[in-house]
């Protein structure tokens, strides 16, 4: 299972990016919340949307959920 995080600082469009633990962009994310370990990105996105309504999957680290 993979560990996921959500960026608590929104982008200019209001989206909060969700990243895998090994994403390059996560290294520059200072204000993040640990979403825990999930078997799929879809499960991680469900958890992320409980925290931030405008959660969006990082297109760099997982393309399979980028439409969520």
C-alpha atoms as a PDB file:
ATOM      1  CA  UNK A   1       0.000   0.000   0.000  1.00  0.00           C
ATOM      2  CA  UNK A   2       1.065   3.539  -0.698  1.00  0.00           C
ATOM      3  CA  UNK A   3       1.039   6.498   1.687  1.00  0.00           C
ATOM      4  CA  UNK A   4      -0.691   9.676   0.494  1.00  0.00           C
ATOM      5  CA  UNK A   5      -0.700  13.321   1.565  1.00  0.00           C
ATOM      6  CA  UNK A   6      -2.877  16.321   0.758  1.00  0.00           C
ATOM      7  CA  UNK A   7      -1.490  19.820   0.420  1.00  0.00           C
ATOM      8  CA  UNK A   8      -3.406  22.110   2.797  1.00  0.00           C
ATOM      9  CA  UNK A   9      -2.363  25.205   0.848  1.00  0.00           C
ATOM     10  CA  UNK A  10      -4.628  25.543  -2.193  1.00  0.00           C
ATOM     11  CA  UNK A  11      -3.417  26.349  -5.681  1.00  0.00           C
ATOM     12  CA  UNK A  12      -4.568  29.624  -7.253  1.00  0.00           C
ATOM     13  CA  UNK A  13      -7.647  27.812  -8.635  1.00  0.00           C
ATOM     14  CA  UNK A  14      -8.620  26.495  -5.171  1.00  0.00           C
ATOM     15  CA  UNK A  15      -7.533  22.869  -5.702  1.00  0.00           C
ATOM     16  CA  UNK A  16      -5.650  20.965  -2.991  1.00  0.00           C
ATOM     17  CA  UNK A  17      -3.213  18.489  -4.569  1.00  0.00           C
ATOM     18  CA  UNK A  18      -2.992  14.916  -3.338  1.00  0.00           C
ATOM     19  CA  UNK A  19       0.433  13.263  -3.637  1.00  0.00           C
ATOM     20  CA  UNK A  20       2.024   9.856  -3.173  1.00  0.00           C
ATOM     21  CA  UNK A  21       4.734   9.789  -0.501  1.00  0.00           C
ATOM     22  CA  UNK A  22       7.523   9.582  -3.109  1.00  0.00           C
ATOM     23  CA  UNK A  23       6.308  12.460  -5.320  1.00  0.00           C
ATOM     24  CA  UNK A  24       8.942  15.069  -6.149  1.00  0.00           C
ATOM     25  CA  UNK A  25       6.437  17.892  -5.588  1.00  0.00           C
ATOM     26  CA  UNK A  26       5.688  16.720  -2.053  1.00  0.00           C
ATOM     27  CA  UNK A  27       9.206  17.699  -0.977  1.00  0.00           C
ATOM     28  CA  UNK A  28       8.218  21.350  -1.483  1.00  0.00           C
ATOM     29  CA  UNK A  29       4.879  21.032   0.326  1.00  0.00           C
ATOM     30  CA  UNK A  30       5.243  22.531   3.796  1.00  0.00           C
ATOM     31  CA  UNK A  31       1.629  22.368   4.989  1.00  0.00           C
ATOM     32  CA  UNK A  32       0.305  18.863   4.364  1.00  0.00           C
ATOM     33  CA  UNK A  33      -1.934  16.288   5.990  1.00  0.00           C
ATOM     34  CA  UNK A  34      -1.111  12.593   6.102  1.00  0.00           C
ATOM     35  CA  UNK A  35      -3.973  10.652   4.488  1.00  0.00           C
ATOM     36  CA  UNK A  36      -2.531   7.310   5.539  1.00  0.00           C
ATOM     37  CA  UNK A  37      -1.854   4.195   3.493  1.00  0.00           C
ATOM     38  CA  UNK A  38      -4.327   3.216   0.785  1.00  0.00           C
ATOM     39  CA  UNK A  39      -4.495   0.336  -1.671  1.00  0.00           C
ATOM     40  CA  UNK A  40      -5.529   2.613  -4.562  1.00  0.00           C
ATOM     41  CA  UNK A  41      -5.482   6.283  -5.431  1.00  0.00           C
ATOM     42  CA  UNK A  42      -9.274   6.199  -5.598  1.00  0.00           C
ATOM     43  CA  UNK A  43      -9.480   5.327  -1.901  1.00  0.00           C
ATOM     44  CA  UNK A  44      -6.952   8.045  -1.084  1.00  0.00           C
ATOM     45  CA  UNK A  45      -9.031  10.581  -3.025  1.00  0.00           C
ATOM     46  CA  UNK A  46     -12.177   9.649  -1.084  1.00  0.00           C
ATOM     47  CA  UNK A  47     -10.300  10.333   2.144  1.00  0.00           C
ATOM     48  CA  UNK A  48      -8.822  13.580   0.772  1.00  0.00           C
ATOM     49  CA  UNK A  49     -12.239  14.924  -0.236  1.00  0.00           C
ATOM     50  CA  UNK A  50     -13.377  14.499   3.370  1.00  0.00           C
ATOM     51  CA  UNK A  51     -10.703  17.038   4.335  1.00  0.00           C
ATOM     52  CA  UNK A  52     -10.785  19.393   1.347  1.00  0.00           C
ATOM     53  CA  UNK A  53     -13.783  19.453  -0.986  1.00  0.00           C
ATOM     54  CA  UNK A  54     -11.563  20.553  -3.876  1.00  0.00           C
ATOM     55  CA  UNK A  55      -8.968  17.790  -3.562  1.00  0.00           C
ATOM     56  CA  UNK A  56      -7.319  16.930  -6.888  1.00  0.00           C
ATOM     57  CA  UNK A  57      -4.879  14.125  -7.732  1.00  0.00           C
ATOM     58  CA  UNK A  58      -1.349  15.216  -8.604  1.00  0.00           C
ATOM     59  CA  UNK A  59      -0.848  14.607 -12.319  1.00  0.00           C
ATOM     60  CA  UNK A  60       2.868  13.978 -11.801  1.00  0.00           C
ATOM     61  CA  UNK A  61       2.657  11.110  -9.374  1.00  0.00           C
ATOM     62  CA  UNK A  62      -0.518   9.272 -10.400  1.00  0.00           C
ATOM     63  CA  UNK A  63      -2.247   9.650 -13.711  1.00  0.00           C
ATOM     64  CA  UNK A  64      -4.938   7.011 -13.048  1.00  0.00           C
ATOM     65  CA  UNK A  65      -6.763   9.376 -10.671  1.00  0.00           C
ATOM     66  CA  UNK A  66      -5.967  12.692 -12.339  1.00  0.00           C
ATOM     67  CA  UNK A  67      -9.561  13.069 -13.542  1.00  0.00           C
ATOM     68  CA  UNK A  68     -10.869  13.046  -9.954  1.00  0.00           C
END
